[in-house]
N, C-alpha and C. Protein backbone atom coordinates (compact mmCIF):
# COMPACT_ATOMS: atom_id res chain seq x y z
N MET A 1 49.40 0.00 11.11
CA MET A 1 48.01 -0.17 10.73
C MET A 1 47.94 -0.80 9.34
N ALA A 2 47.24 -1.90 9.23
CA ALA A 2 47.12 -2.61 7.97
C ALA A 2 45.99 -2.02 7.14
N THR A 3 46.24 -1.90 5.87
CA THR A 3 45.23 -1.43 4.93
C THR A 3 44.82 -2.60 4.06
N GLU A 4 43.53 -2.86 4.01
CA GLU A 4 43.03 -3.98 3.21
C GLU A 4 42.62 -3.46 1.84
N ILE A 5 43.13 -4.09 0.81
CA ILE A 5 42.76 -3.76 -0.56
C ILE A 5 42.12 -5.00 -1.16
N LYS A 6 40.91 -4.83 -1.64
CA LYS A 6 40.18 -5.95 -2.24
C LYS A 6 39.89 -5.61 -3.69
N LEU A 7 40.41 -6.41 -4.59
CA LEU A 7 40.17 -6.22 -6.01
C LEU A 7 39.27 -7.34 -6.50
N SER A 8 38.31 -6.97 -7.31
CA SER A 8 37.42 -7.97 -7.87
C SER A 8 37.47 -7.87 -9.39
N ILE A 9 37.74 -8.98 -10.03
CA ILE A 9 37.81 -9.00 -11.48
C ILE A 9 36.41 -9.11 -12.08
N PHE A 10 35.52 -9.79 -11.39
CA PHE A 10 34.19 -10.00 -11.93
C PHE A 10 33.17 -9.21 -11.13
N SER A 11 32.05 -8.94 -11.75
CA SER A 11 31.00 -8.14 -11.12
C SER A 11 30.36 -8.86 -9.95
N GLU A 12 29.69 -8.09 -9.14
CA GLU A 12 29.08 -8.66 -7.94
C GLU A 12 27.80 -9.43 -8.22
N ASN A 13 27.17 -9.21 -9.38
CA ASN A 13 25.98 -10.00 -9.72
C ASN A 13 25.89 -10.20 -11.23
N LYS A 14 25.03 -11.10 -11.64
CA LYS A 14 24.96 -11.45 -13.06
C LYS A 14 24.46 -10.32 -13.93
N PHE A 15 23.62 -9.43 -13.38
CA PHE A 15 23.13 -8.32 -14.18
C PHE A 15 24.27 -7.34 -14.51
N ASN A 16 25.10 -7.04 -13.53
CA ASN A 16 26.27 -6.18 -13.78
C ASN A 16 27.21 -6.84 -14.79
N ALA A 17 27.47 -8.12 -14.60
CA ALA A 17 28.40 -8.83 -15.48
C ALA A 17 27.89 -8.86 -16.92
N LEU A 18 26.63 -9.19 -17.10
CA LEU A 18 26.07 -9.25 -18.45
C LEU A 18 26.02 -7.88 -19.10
N THR A 19 25.74 -6.86 -18.32
CA THR A 19 25.73 -5.49 -18.85
C THR A 19 27.11 -5.11 -19.35
N MET A 20 28.14 -5.39 -18.56
CA MET A 20 29.50 -5.06 -18.96
C MET A 20 29.93 -5.87 -20.18
N LEU A 21 29.60 -7.15 -20.23
CA LEU A 21 29.93 -7.97 -21.38
C LEU A 21 29.29 -7.43 -22.65
N TYR A 22 28.04 -7.04 -22.55
CA TYR A 22 27.33 -6.49 -23.70
C TYR A 22 27.96 -5.17 -24.15
N LEU A 23 28.22 -4.28 -23.22
CA LEU A 23 28.75 -2.97 -23.57
C LEU A 23 30.17 -3.05 -24.12
N GLN A 24 30.93 -4.05 -23.72
CA GLN A 24 32.28 -4.21 -24.25
C GLN A 24 32.27 -4.48 -25.75
N LYS A 25 31.18 -5.01 -26.25
CA LYS A 25 31.07 -5.33 -27.68
C LYS A 25 30.49 -4.18 -28.49
N GLN A 26 30.14 -3.07 -27.85
CA GLN A 26 29.55 -1.93 -28.53
C GLN A 26 30.59 -0.87 -28.83
N ASP A 27 30.33 -0.06 -29.85
CA ASP A 27 31.19 1.08 -30.15
C ASP A 27 30.73 2.24 -29.28
N LEU A 28 31.47 2.52 -28.24
CA LEU A 28 31.12 3.57 -27.28
C LEU A 28 32.01 4.80 -27.44
N SER A 29 32.80 4.83 -28.49
CA SER A 29 33.83 5.86 -28.62
C SER A 29 33.26 7.27 -28.76
N ASN A 30 32.06 7.41 -29.25
CA ASN A 30 31.49 8.75 -29.45
C ASN A 30 30.57 9.18 -28.31
N LEU A 31 30.48 8.38 -27.27
CA LEU A 31 29.58 8.71 -26.17
C LEU A 31 30.27 9.61 -25.15
N THR A 32 29.50 10.53 -24.61
CA THR A 32 29.98 11.33 -23.48
C THR A 32 29.88 10.46 -22.23
N PRO A 33 30.52 10.85 -21.15
CA PRO A 33 30.37 10.08 -19.91
C PRO A 33 28.89 9.97 -19.48
N GLU A 34 28.15 11.03 -19.69
CA GLU A 34 26.72 11.01 -19.32
C GLU A 34 25.94 10.02 -20.20
N GLN A 35 26.25 10.01 -21.49
CA GLN A 35 25.59 9.07 -22.39
C GLN A 35 25.98 7.63 -22.07
N LEU A 36 27.23 7.43 -21.68
CA LEU A 36 27.68 6.09 -21.29
C LEU A 36 26.93 5.60 -20.07
N LEU A 37 26.75 6.48 -19.09
CA LEU A 37 25.97 6.12 -17.91
C LEU A 37 24.54 5.75 -18.30
N ASP A 38 23.93 6.54 -19.17
CA ASP A 38 22.57 6.25 -19.62
C ASP A 38 22.51 4.91 -20.35
N LYS A 39 23.51 4.63 -21.18
CA LYS A 39 23.56 3.36 -21.91
C LYS A 39 23.71 2.18 -20.95
N TYR A 40 24.56 2.35 -19.94
CA TYR A 40 24.73 1.30 -18.94
C TYR A 40 23.41 1.03 -18.22
N ASP A 41 22.77 2.09 -17.74
CA ASP A 41 21.50 1.94 -17.01
C ASP A 41 20.43 1.30 -17.88
N GLU A 42 20.35 1.74 -19.13
CA GLU A 42 19.36 1.18 -20.06
C GLU A 42 19.59 -0.31 -20.29
N THR A 43 20.83 -0.68 -20.52
CA THR A 43 21.17 -2.08 -20.76
C THR A 43 20.92 -2.92 -19.52
N TYR A 44 21.36 -2.44 -18.36
CA TYR A 44 21.16 -3.15 -17.10
C TYR A 44 19.67 -3.39 -16.88
N ASN A 45 18.86 -2.36 -17.06
CA ASN A 45 17.42 -2.49 -16.82
C ASN A 45 16.76 -3.44 -17.81
N ARG A 46 17.17 -3.40 -19.07
CA ARG A 46 16.61 -4.34 -20.05
C ARG A 46 16.91 -5.78 -19.67
N ILE A 47 18.13 -6.05 -19.23
CA ILE A 47 18.50 -7.40 -18.82
C ILE A 47 17.71 -7.82 -17.59
N ARG A 48 17.64 -6.95 -16.60
CA ARG A 48 16.93 -7.26 -15.35
C ARG A 48 15.44 -7.50 -15.60
N ILE A 49 14.82 -6.65 -16.40
CA ILE A 49 13.39 -6.79 -16.70
C ILE A 49 13.13 -8.08 -17.47
N HIS A 50 13.99 -8.38 -18.44
CA HIS A 50 13.83 -9.63 -19.19
C HIS A 50 13.93 -10.84 -18.25
N TYR A 51 14.90 -10.80 -17.36
CA TYR A 51 15.07 -11.88 -16.40
C TYR A 51 13.81 -12.05 -15.54
N GLU A 52 13.32 -10.94 -15.01
CA GLU A 52 12.13 -11.00 -14.16
C GLU A 52 10.91 -11.49 -14.93
N ASP A 53 10.72 -11.01 -16.16
CA ASP A 53 9.58 -11.42 -16.97
C ASP A 53 9.64 -12.90 -17.33
N THR A 54 10.80 -13.37 -17.75
CA THR A 54 10.90 -14.76 -18.16
C THR A 54 10.81 -15.70 -16.97
N ARG A 55 11.34 -15.29 -15.84
CA ARG A 55 11.26 -16.15 -14.65
C ARG A 55 9.83 -16.19 -14.11
N ALA A 56 9.13 -15.08 -14.17
CA ALA A 56 7.74 -15.06 -13.71
C ALA A 56 6.89 -15.96 -14.59
N ASN A 57 7.08 -15.87 -15.90
CA ASN A 57 6.33 -16.72 -16.83
C ASN A 57 6.68 -18.19 -16.65
N ARG A 58 7.94 -18.48 -16.44
CA ARG A 58 8.38 -19.87 -16.24
C ARG A 58 7.76 -20.44 -14.97
N ASN A 59 7.77 -19.65 -13.90
CA ASN A 59 7.19 -20.12 -12.64
C ASN A 59 5.69 -20.32 -12.77
N LEU A 60 5.01 -19.47 -13.51
CA LEU A 60 3.57 -19.60 -13.71
C LEU A 60 3.26 -20.88 -14.48
N ILE A 61 4.03 -21.18 -15.53
CA ILE A 61 3.83 -22.39 -16.32
C ILE A 61 4.10 -23.62 -15.48
N GLU A 62 5.15 -23.60 -14.69
CA GLU A 62 5.47 -24.76 -13.85
C GLU A 62 4.41 -24.98 -12.78
N TRP A 63 3.77 -23.91 -12.32
CA TRP A 63 2.76 -24.02 -11.28
C TRP A 63 1.50 -24.66 -11.83
N MET A 64 1.18 -24.45 -13.11
CA MET A 64 -0.06 -24.95 -13.70
C MET A 64 0.02 -26.40 -13.97
């Protein structure tokens, strides 16, 4: 029976990738695992919301 192992070096989407790139540059040494999860979620959501807001505004301007 063959076992398939799939390794991915890069994230599955740009929001995950940008979140990880940003967090790699931060000092996370004093964070608990729970705080790290909160920091990841906060960063991911900020990036996603910014993307959605700027794309919505860009599409509205292009439509006018």
